[in-house]
PDB file of N, CA and C in Angstrom:
ATOM      1  N   MET A   1     -11.061 -80.213  25.717  1.00  0.00           N
ATOM      2  CA  MET A   1     -12.135 -80.274  24.717  1.00  0.00           C
ATOM      3  C   MET A   1     -12.797 -78.924  24.465  1.00  0.00           C
ATOM      4  N   ASP A   2     -12.939 -78.138  25.553  1.00  0.00           N
ATOM      5  CA  ASP A   2     -13.570 -76.846  25.431  1.00  0.00           C
ATOM      6  C   ASP A   2     -12.721 -75.905  24.566  1.00  0.00           C
ATOM      7  N   ALA A   3     -11.400 -75.998  24.723  1.00  0.00           N
ATOM      8  CA  ALA A   3     -10.491 -75.154  23.935  1.00  0.00           C
ATOM      9  C   ALA A   3     -10.569 -75.565  22.424  1.00  0.00           C
ATOM     10  N   LEU A   4     -10.641 -76.833  22.172  1.00  0.00           N
ATOM     11  CA  LEU A   4     -10.771 -77.274  20.770  1.00  0.00           C
ATOM     12  C   LEU A   4     -12.082 -76.761  20.147  1.00  0.00           C
ATOM     13  N   ARG A   5     -13.134 -76.869  20.904  1.00  0.00           N
ATOM     14  CA  ARG A   5     -14.465 -76.409  20.418  1.00  0.00           C
ATOM     15  C   ARG A   5     -14.368 -74.926  20.130  1.00  0.00           C
ATOM     16  N   ARG A   6     -13.765 -74.150  21.023  1.00  0.00           N
ATOM     17  CA  ARG A   6     -13.688 -72.703  20.813  1.00  0.00           C
ATOM     18  C   ARG A   6     -12.818 -72.359  19.605  1.00  0.00           C
ATOM     19  N   ALA A   7     -11.680 -73.097  19.443  1.00  0.00           N
ATOM     20  CA  ALA A   7     -10.788 -72.879  18.272  1.00  0.00           C
ATOM     21  C   ALA A   7     -11.510 -73.162  17.018  1.00  0.00           C
ATOM     22  N   ASN A   8     -12.318 -74.238  16.941  1.00  0.00           N
ATOM     23  CA  ASN A   8     -13.054 -74.554  15.756  1.00  0.00           C
ATOM     24  C   ASN A   8     -14.135 -73.494  15.452  1.00  0.00           C
ATOM     25  N   GLU A   9     -14.771 -72.942  16.469  1.00  0.00           N
ATOM     26  CA  GLU A   9     -15.725 -71.858  16.264  1.00  0.00           C
ATOM     27  C   GLU A   9     -15.065 -70.641  15.693  1.00  0.00           C
ATOM     28  N   ILE A  10     -13.879 -70.296  16.209  1.00  0.00           N
ATOM     29  CA  ILE A  10     -13.171 -69.135  15.698  1.00  0.00           C
ATOM     30  C   ILE A  10     -12.759 -69.311  14.256  1.00  0.00           C
ATOM     31  N   ARG A  11     -12.252 -70.523  13.931  1.00  0.00           N
ATOM     32  CA  ARG A  11     -11.862 -70.812  12.551  1.00  0.00           C
ATOM     33  C   ARG A  11     -13.056 -70.685  11.596  1.00  0.00           C
ATOM     34  N   SER A  12     -14.181 -71.204  12.005  1.00  0.00           N
ATOM     35  CA  SER A  12     -15.368 -71.130  11.138  1.00  0.00           C
ATOM     36  C   SER A  12     -15.860 -69.699  11.008  1.00  0.00           C
ATOM     37  N   MET A  13     -15.813 -68.883  12.078  1.00  0.00           N
ATOM     38  CA  MET A  13     -16.227 -67.529  11.987  1.00  0.00           C
ATOM     39  C   MET A  13     -15.279 -66.719  11.085  1.00  0.00           C
ATOM     40  N   ARG A  14     -13.975 -67.006  11.148  1.00  0.00           N
ATOM     41  CA  ARG A  14     -13.010 -66.330  10.292  1.00  0.00           C
ATOM     42  C   ARG A  14     -13.204 -66.718   8.837  1.00  0.00           C
ATOM     43  N   ALA A  15     -13.502 -67.989   8.600  1.00  0.00           N
ATOM     44  CA  ALA A  15     -13.754 -68.458   7.256  1.00  0.00           C
ATOM     45  C   ALA A  15     -14.987 -67.721   6.660  1.00  0.00           C
ATOM     46  N   GLN A  16     -16.037 -67.603   7.473  1.00  0.00           N
ATOM     47  CA  GLN A  16     -17.238 -66.833   7.031  1.00  0.00           C
ATOM     48  C   GLN A  16     -16.874 -65.409   6.752  1.00  0.00           C
ATOM     49  N   LEU A  17     -16.085 -64.760   7.634  1.00  0.00           N
ATOM     50  CA  LEU A  17     -15.664 -63.393   7.394  1.00  0.00           C
ATOM     51  C   LEU A  17     -14.925 -63.251   6.094  1.00  0.00           C
ATOM     52  N   LYS A  18     -14.023 -64.191   5.785  1.00  0.00           N
ATOM     53  CA  LYS A  18     -13.272 -64.120   4.541  1.00  0.00           C
ATOM     54  C   LYS A  18     -14.207 -64.253   3.382  1.00  0.00           C
ATOM     55  N   ARG A  19     -15.205 -65.111   3.453  1.00  0.00           N
ATOM     56  CA  ARG A  19     -16.225 -65.237   2.369  1.00  0.00           C
ATOM     57  C   ARG A  19     -17.005 -63.941   2.201  1.00  0.00           C
ATOM     58  N   ASP A  20     -17.360 -63.319   3.324  1.00  0.00           N
ATOM     59  CA  ASP A  20     -18.070 -62.053   3.287  1.00  0.00           C
ATOM     60  C   ASP A  20     -17.184 -60.950   2.687  1.00  0.00           C
ATOM     61  N   LEU A  21     -15.918 -60.956   2.992  1.00  0.00           N
ATOM     62  CA  LEU A  21     -15.022 -59.944   2.383  1.00  0.00           C
ATOM     63  C   LEU A  21     -14.948 -60.145   0.892  1.00  0.00           C
ATOM     64  N   LYS A  22     -14.813 -61.399   0.491  1.00  0.00           N
ATOM     65  CA  LYS A  22     -14.716 -61.739  -0.908  1.00  0.00           C
ATOM     66  C   LYS A  22     -15.985 -61.329  -1.681  1.00  0.00           C
ATOM     67  N   ASP A  23     -17.150 -61.555  -1.045  1.00  0.00           N
ATOM     68  CA  ASP A  23     -18.433 -61.205  -1.676  1.00  0.00           C
ATOM     69  C   ASP A  23     -18.791 -59.743  -1.578  1.00  0.00           C
ATOM     70  N   GLY A  24     -18.055 -58.953  -0.790  1.00  0.00           N
ATOM     71  CA  GLY A  24     -18.319 -57.539  -0.639  1.00  0.00           C
ATOM     72  C   GLY A  24     -19.399 -57.233   0.377  1.00  0.00           C
ATOM     73  N   VAL A  25     -19.775 -58.206   1.190  1.00  0.00           N
ATOM     74  CA  VAL A  25     -20.792 -58.018   2.253  1.00  0.00           C
ATOM     75  C   VAL A  25     -20.219 -57.173   3.382  1.00  0.00           C
ATOM     76  N   VAL A  26     -18.912 -57.373   3.639  1.00  0.00           N
ATOM     77  CA  VAL A  26     -18.194 -56.693   4.757  1.00  0.00           C
ATOM     78  C   VAL A  26     -17.023 -55.868   4.146  1.00  0.00           C
ATOM     79  N   SER A  27     -16.742 -54.728   4.680  1.00  0.00           N
ATOM     80  CA  SER A  27     -15.661 -53.875   4.213  1.00  0.00           C
ATOM     81  C   SER A  27     -14.360 -54.188   5.023  1.00  0.00           C
ATOM     82  N   ILE A  28     -13.254 -54.291   4.341  1.00  0.00           N
ATOM     83  CA  ILE A  28     -11.970 -54.568   5.032  1.00  0.00           C
ATOM     84  C   ILE A  28     -11.638 -53.389   5.978  1.00  0.00           C
ATOM     85  N   THR A  29     -12.037 -52.171   5.648  1.00  0.00           N
ATOM     86  CA  THR A  29     -11.767 -51.031   6.495  1.00  0.00           C
ATOM     87  C   THR A  29     -12.534 -51.162   7.849  1.00  0.00           C
ATOM     88  N   ASP A  30     -13.778 -51.709   7.748  1.00  0.00           N
ATOM     89  CA  ASP A  30     -14.540 -51.921   8.991  1.00  0.00           C
ATOM     90  C   ASP A  30     -13.890 -52.975   9.872  1.00  0.00           C
ATOM     91  N   VAL A  31     -13.381 -54.042   9.222  1.00  0.00           N
ATOM     92  CA  VAL A  31     -12.780 -55.126   9.963  1.00  0.00           C
ATOM     93  C   VAL A  31     -11.508 -54.621  10.652  1.00  0.00           C
ATOM     94  N   ILE A  32     -10.709 -53.809  10.004  1.00  0.00           N
ATOM     95  CA  ILE A  32      -9.510 -53.335  10.599  1.00  0.00           C
ATOM     96  C   ILE A  32      -9.724 -52.252  11.640  1.00  0.00           C
ATOM     97  N   SER A  33     -10.660 -51.347  11.325  1.00  0.00           N
ATOM     98  CA  SER A  33     -10.896 -50.216  12.324  1.00  0.00           C
ATOM     99  C   SER A  33     -11.563 -50.689  13.554  1.00  0.00           C
ATOM    100  N   GLU A  34     -12.556 -51.605  13.444  1.00  0.00           N
ATOM    101  CA  GLU A  34     -13.261 -52.120  14.608  1.00  0.00           C
ATOM    102  C   GLU A  34     -13.375 -53.617  14.507  1.00  0.00           C
ATOM    103  N   PRO A  35     -12.268 -54.345  14.814  1.00  0.00           N
ATOM    104  CA  PRO A  35     -12.255 -55.797  14.565  1.00  0.00           C
ATOM    105  C   PRO A  35     -13.090 -56.513  15.658  1.00  0.00           C
ATOM    106  N   PRO A  36     -13.845 -57.533  15.213  1.00  0.00           N
ATOM    107  CA  PRO A  36     -14.513 -58.400  16.207  1.00  0.00           C
ATOM    108  C   PRO A  36     -13.499 -59.202  16.986  1.00  0.00           C
ATOM    109  N   ASP A  37     -13.894 -59.703  18.126  1.00  0.00           N
ATOM    110  CA  ASP A  37     -12.965 -60.474  18.996  1.00  0.00           C
ATOM    111  C   ASP A  37     -12.286 -61.637  18.263  1.00  0.00           C
ATOM    112  N   TYR A  38     -13.044 -62.342  17.450  1.00  0.00           N
ATOM    113  CA  TYR A  38     -12.481 -63.562  16.812  1.00  0.00           C
ATOM    114  C   TYR A  38     -11.492 -63.237  15.709  1.00  0.00           C
ATOM    115  N   VAL A  39     -11.321 -61.967  15.366  1.00  0.00           N
ATOM    116  CA  VAL A  39     -10.359 -61.595  14.318  1.00  0.00           C
ATOM    117  C   VAL A  39      -9.096 -60.989  14.945  1.00  0.00           C
ATOM    118  N   GLN A  40      -9.080 -60.751  16.216  1.00  0.00           N
ATOM    119  CA  GLN A  40      -7.941 -60.115  16.884  1.00  0.00           C
ATOM    120  C   GLN A  40      -6.607 -60.835  16.602  1.00  0.00           C
ATOM    121  N   THR A  41      -6.634 -62.160  16.553  1.00  0.00           N
ATOM    122  CA  THR A  41      -5.379 -62.949  16.357  1.00  0.00           C
ATOM    123  C   THR A  41      -5.141 -63.311  14.917  1.00  0.00           C
ATOM    124  N   ALA A  42      -5.983 -62.840  13.975  1.00  0.00           N
ATOM    125  CA  ALA A  42      -5.790 -63.141  12.578  1.00  0.00           C
ATOM    126  C   ALA A  42      -4.708 -62.196  12.007  1.00  0.00           C
ATOM    127  N   LYS A  43      -3.964 -62.677  11.051  1.00  0.00           N
ATOM    128  CA  LYS A  43      -2.941 -61.832  10.412  1.00  0.00           C
ATOM    129  C   LYS A  43      -3.572 -60.834   9.435  1.00  0.00           C
ATOM    130  N   VAL A  44      -3.072 -59.613   9.471  1.00  0.00           N
ATOM    131  CA  VAL A  44      -3.559 -58.542   8.622  1.00  0.00           C
ATOM    132  C   VAL A  44      -3.411 -58.965   7.162  1.00  0.00           C
ATOM    133  N   PHE A  45      -2.265 -59.561   6.839  1.00  0.00           N
ATOM    134  CA  PHE A  45      -1.958 -59.988   5.463  1.00  0.00           C
ATOM    135  C   PHE A  45      -3.013 -60.999   4.980  1.00  0.00           C
ATOM    136  N   ASP A  46      -3.406 -61.949   5.830  1.00  0.00           N
ATOM    137  CA  ASP A  46      -4.429 -62.928   5.428  1.00  0.00           C
ATOM    138  C   ASP A  46      -5.755 -62.325   5.169  1.00  0.00           C
ATOM    139  N   MET A  47      -6.133 -61.309   5.991  1.00  0.00           N
ATOM    140  CA  MET A  47      -7.385 -60.627   5.784  1.00  0.00           C
ATOM    141  C   MET A  47      -7.388 -59.831   4.495  1.00  0.00           C
ATOM    142  N   LEU A  48      -6.241 -59.190   4.159  1.00  0.00           N
ATOM    143  CA  LEU A  48      -6.157 -58.406   2.945  1.00  0.00           C
ATOM    144  C   LEU A  48      -6.226 -59.345   1.771  1.00  0.00           C
ATOM    145  N   MET A  49      -5.661 -60.508   1.853  1.00  0.00           N
ATOM    146  CA  MET A  49      -5.645 -61.485   0.726  1.00  0.00           C
ATOM    147  C   MET A  49      -7.070 -61.976   0.455  1.00  0.00           C
ATOM    148  N   ALA A  50      -7.995 -61.875   1.380  1.00  0.00           N
ATOM    149  CA  ALA A  50      -9.363 -62.334   1.178  1.00  0.00           C
ATOM    150  C   ALA A  50     -10.171 -61.337   0.384  1.00  0.00           C
ATOM    151  N   VAL A  51      -9.676 -60.122   0.237  1.00  0.00           N
ATOM    152  CA  VAL A  51     -10.396 -59.089  -0.486  1.00  0.00           C
ATOM    153  C   VAL A  51     -10.143 -59.197  -1.948  1.00  0.00           C
ATOM    154  N   PRO A  52     -11.171 -59.158  -2.813  1.00  0.00           N
ATOM    155  CA  PRO A  52     -10.953 -59.252  -4.295  1.00  0.00           C
ATOM    156  C   PRO A  52     -10.076 -58.118  -4.732  1.00  0.00           C
ATOM    157  N   LYS A  53      -9.268 -58.385  -5.721  1.00  0.00           N
ATOM    158  CA  LYS A  53      -8.312 -57.450  -6.309  1.00  0.00           C
ATOM    159  C   LYS A  53      -7.105 -57.124  -5.448  1.00  0.00           C
ATOM    160  N   TYR A  54      -6.987 -57.757  -4.289  1.00  0.00           N
ATOM    161  CA  TYR A  54      -5.783 -57.566  -3.450  1.00  0.00           C
ATOM    162  C   TYR A  54      -5.019 -58.869  -3.496  1.00  0.00           C
ATOM    163  N   GLY A  55      -3.973 -58.899  -4.294  1.00  0.00           N
ATOM    164  CA  GLY A  55      -3.124 -60.072  -4.340  1.00  0.00           C
ATOM    165  C   GLY A  55      -1.948 -59.924  -3.358  1.00  0.00           C
ATOM    166  N   LYS A  56      -0.957 -60.788  -3.518  1.00  0.00           N
ATOM    167  CA  LYS A  56       0.197 -60.737  -2.648  1.00  0.00           C
ATOM    168  C   LYS A  56       0.985 -59.442  -2.794  1.00  0.00           C
ATOM    169  N   VAL A  57       1.143 -59.012  -4.052  1.00  0.00           N
ATOM    170  CA  VAL A  57       1.915 -57.795  -4.302  1.00  0.00           C
ATOM    171  C   VAL A  57       1.267 -56.552  -3.677  1.00  0.00           C
ATOM    172  N   LYS A  58      -0.046 -56.388  -3.944  1.00  0.00           N
ATOM    173  CA  LYS A  58      -0.717 -55.208  -3.466  1.00  0.00           C
ATOM    174  C   LYS A  58      -0.818 -55.225  -1.923  1.00  0.00           C
ATOM    175  N   ALA A  59      -1.094 -56.408  -1.337  1.00  0.00           N
ATOM    176  CA  ALA A  59      -1.183 -56.509   0.113  1.00  0.00           C
ATOM    177  C   ALA A  59       0.161 -56.178   0.757  1.00  0.00           C
ATOM    178  N   THR A  60       1.212 -56.715   0.176  1.00  0.00           N
ATOM    179  CA  THR A  60       2.574 -56.448   0.693  1.00  0.00           C
ATOM    180  C   THR A  60       2.936 -54.954   0.573  1.00  0.00           C
ATOM    181  N   ARG A  61       2.537 -54.333  -0.549  1.00  0.00           N
ATOM    182  CA  ARG A  61       2.777 -52.928  -0.760  1.00  0.00           C
ATOM    183  C   ARG A  61       2.066 -52.109   0.308  1.00  0.00           C
ATOM    184  N   PHE A  62       0.774 -52.413   0.581  1.00  0.00           N
ATOM    185  CA  PHE A  62       0.032 -51.715   1.610  1.00  0.00           C
ATOM    186  C   PHE A  62       0.725 -51.815   2.983  1.00  0.00           C
ATOM    187  N   LEU A  63       1.131 -53.044   3.350  1.00  0.00           N
ATOM    188  CA  LEU A  63       1.745 -53.255   4.633  1.00  0.00           C
ATOM    189  C   LEU A  63       3.073 -52.524   4.712  1.00  0.00           C
ATOM    190  N   ASN A  64       3.873 -52.579   3.669  1.00  0.00           N
ATOM    191  CA  ASN A  64       5.188 -51.918   3.682  1.00  0.00           C
ATOM    192  C   ASN A  64       5.027 -50.389   3.787  1.00  0.00           C
ATOM    193  N   HIS A  65       4.032 -49.847   3.056  1.00  0.00           N
ATOM    194  CA  HIS A  65       3.778 -48.385   3.109  1.00  0.00           C
ATOM    195  C   HIS A  65       3.416 -47.972   4.545  1.00  0.00           C
ATOM    196  N   CYS A  66       2.717 -48.788   5.253  1.00  0.00           N
ATOM    197  CA  CYS A  66       2.263 -48.437   6.623  1.00  0.00           C
ATOM    198  C   CYS A  66       3.271 -48.959   7.693  1.00  0.00           C
ATOM    199  N   ARG A  67       4.381 -49.502   7.257  1.00  0.00           N
ATOM    200  CA  ARG A  67       5.427 -50.086   8.137  1.00  0.00           C
ATOM    201  C   ARG A  67       4.853 -51.129   9.078  1.00  0.00           C
ATOM    202  N   ILE A  68       4.136 -52.121   8.474  1.00  0.00           N
ATOM    203  CA  ILE A  68       3.538 -53.203   9.184  1.00  0.00           C
ATOM    204  C   ILE A  68       4.166 -54.503   8.684  1.00  0.00           C
ATOM    205  N   SER A  69       4.632 -55.335   9.606  1.00  0.00           N
ATOM    206  CA  SER A  69       5.214 -56.639   9.198  1.00  0.00           C
ATOM    207  C   SER A  69       4.089 -57.565   8.715  1.00  0.00           C
ATOM    208  N   GLN A  70       4.456 -58.507   7.824  1.00  0.00           N
ATOM    209  CA  GLN A  70       3.462 -59.423   7.282  1.00  0.00           C
ATOM    210  C   GLN A  70       2.909 -60.373   8.360  1.00  0.00           C
ATOM    211  N   GLY A  71       3.646 -60.574   9.437  1.00  0.00           N
ATOM    212  CA  GLY A  71       3.195 -61.455  10.487  1.00  0.00           C
ATOM    213  C   GLY A  71       2.314 -60.782  11.581  1.00  0.00           C
ATOM    214  N   LYS A  72       2.118 -59.496  11.388  1.00  0.00           N
ATOM    215  CA  LYS A  72       1.361 -58.722  12.387  1.00  0.00           C
ATOM    216  C   LYS A  72      -0.130 -59.118  12.453  1.00  0.00           C
ATOM    217  N   THR A  73      -0.641 -59.257  13.647  1.00  0.00           N
ATOM    218  CA  THR A  73      -2.073 -59.587  13.775  1.00  0.00           C
ATOM    219  C   THR A  73      -2.873 -58.304  13.825  1.00  0.00           C
ATOM    220  N   ILE A  74      -4.163 -58.457  13.555  1.00  0.00           N
ATOM    221  CA  ILE A  74      -5.054 -57.262  13.572  1.00  0.00           C
ATOM    222  C   ILE A  74      -5.101 -56.659  14.977  1.00  0.00           C
ATOM    223  N   GLY A  75      -5.158 -57.519  15.981  1.00  0.00           N
ATOM    224  CA  GLY A  75      -5.192 -57.026  17.385  1.00  0.00           C
ATOM    225  C   GLY A  75      -3.861 -56.370  17.812  1.00  0.00           C
ATOM    226  N   GLY A  76      -2.787 -56.708  17.119  1.00  0.00           N
ATOM    227  CA  GLY A  76      -1.471 -56.169  17.454  1.00  0.00           C
ATOM    228  C   GLY A  76      -1.103 -54.850  16.773  1.00  0.00           C
ATOM    229  N   LEU A  77      -2.020 -54.342  15.977  1.00  0.00           N
ATOM    230  CA  LEU A  77      -1.733 -53.067  15.284  1.00  0.00           C
ATOM    231  C   LEU A  77      -1.780 -51.918  16.255  1.00  0.00           C
ATOM    232  N   SER A  78      -0.834 -50.982  16.100  1.00  0.00           N
ATOM    233  CA  SER A  78      -0.899 -49.767  16.936  1.00  0.00           C
ATOM    234  C   SER A  78      -1.971 -48.870  16.334  1.00  0.00           C
ATOM    235  N   ASP A  79      -2.336 -47.845  17.105  1.00  0.00           N
ATOM    236  CA  ASP A  79      -3.345 -46.901  16.652  1.00  0.00           C
ATOM    237  C   ASP A  79      -2.899 -46.214  15.369  1.00  0.00           C
ATOM    238  N   ARG A  80      -1.602 -45.863  15.293  1.00  0.00           N
ATOM    239  CA  ARG A  80      -1.065 -45.216  14.067  1.00  0.00           C
ATOM    240  C   ARG A  80      -1.153 -46.148  12.887  1.00  0.00           C
ATOM    241  N   GLN A  81      -0.723 -47.412  13.070  1.00  0.00           N
ATOM    242  CA  GLN A  81      -0.750 -48.393  11.954  1.00  0.00           C
ATOM    243  C   GLN A  81      -2.195 -48.610  11.498  1.00  0.00           C
ATOM    244  N   ARG A  82      -3.063 -48.751  12.448  1.00  0.00           N
ATOM    245  CA  ARG A  82      -4.502 -49.015  12.129  1.00  0.00           C
ATOM    246  C   ARG A  82      -5.096 -47.861  11.334  1.00  0.00           C
ATOM    247  N   ALA A  83      -4.849 -46.627  11.827  1.00  0.00           N
ATOM    248  CA  ALA A  83      -5.398 -45.423  11.131  1.00  0.00           C
ATOM    249  C   ALA A  83      -4.802 -45.245   9.788  1.00  0.00           C
ATOM    250  N   GLU A  84      -3.492 -45.468   9.641  1.00  0.00           N
ATOM    251  CA  GLU A  84      -2.803 -45.296   8.356  1.00  0.00           C
ATOM    252  C   GLU A  84      -3.294 -46.355   7.357  1.00  0.00           C
ATOM    253  N   LEU A  85      -3.475 -47.574   7.779  1.00  0.00           N
ATOM    254  CA  LEU A  85      -3.909 -48.639   6.900  1.00  0.00           C
ATOM    255  C   LEU A  85      -5.356 -48.376   6.485  1.00  0.00           C
ATOM    256  N   VAL A  86      -6.207 -47.988   7.379  1.00  0.00           N
ATOM    257  CA  VAL A  86      -7.607 -47.742   7.037  1.00  0.00           C
ATOM    258  C   VAL A  86      -7.672 -46.609   6.021  1.00  0.00           C
ATOM    259  N   GLU A  87      -6.876 -45.561   6.238  1.00  0.00           N
ATOM    260  CA  GLU A  87      -6.899 -44.411   5.310  1.00  0.00           C
ATOM    261  C   GLU A  87      -6.405 -44.858   3.902  1.00  0.00           C
ATOM    262  N   LEU A  88      -5.340 -45.664   3.875  1.00  0.00           N
ATOM    263  CA  LEU A  88      -4.757 -46.115   2.597  1.00  0.00           C
ATOM    264  C   LEU A  88      -5.792 -47.042   1.861  1.00  0.00           C
ATOM    265  N   LEU A  89      -6.449 -47.889   2.572  1.00  0.00           N
ATOM    266  CA  LEU A  89      -7.428 -48.823   1.953  1.00  0.00           C
ATOM    267  C   LEU A  89      -8.710 -48.104   1.552  1.00  0.00           C
ATOM    268  N   GLY A  90      -9.014 -47.008   2.225  1.00  0.00           N
ATOM    269  CA  GLY A  90     -10.233 -46.249   1.911  1.00  0.00           C
ATOM    270  C   GLY A  90     -10.182 -45.400   0.600  1.00  0.00           C
ATOM    271  N   ARG A  91      -8.977 -45.298   0.089  1.00  0.00           N
ATOM    272  CA  ARG A  91      -8.835 -44.491  -1.132  1.00  0.00           C
ATOM    273  C   ARG A  91      -9.436 -45.112  -2.330  1.00  0.00           C
TER     274      ARG A  91
END
């Protein structure tokens, strides 16, 4: 029961983060450069899709440019991948 409760909390926090990304309250570069604990296991592609003006094509292009697979989690990014993606998104 405790694991279910924790999973539900994480899902709701991620949903709020996606809403904040959509509304512009939070920057995607901040989330990727210094991710909160509850985002560590979220897919980078899903977080990019939550940002306005980033559709499937643009998100895929960003990931391919940085040599990141679509299934990669935010916590699983290497330092190089993280820095390259933050620089690309910051432009």
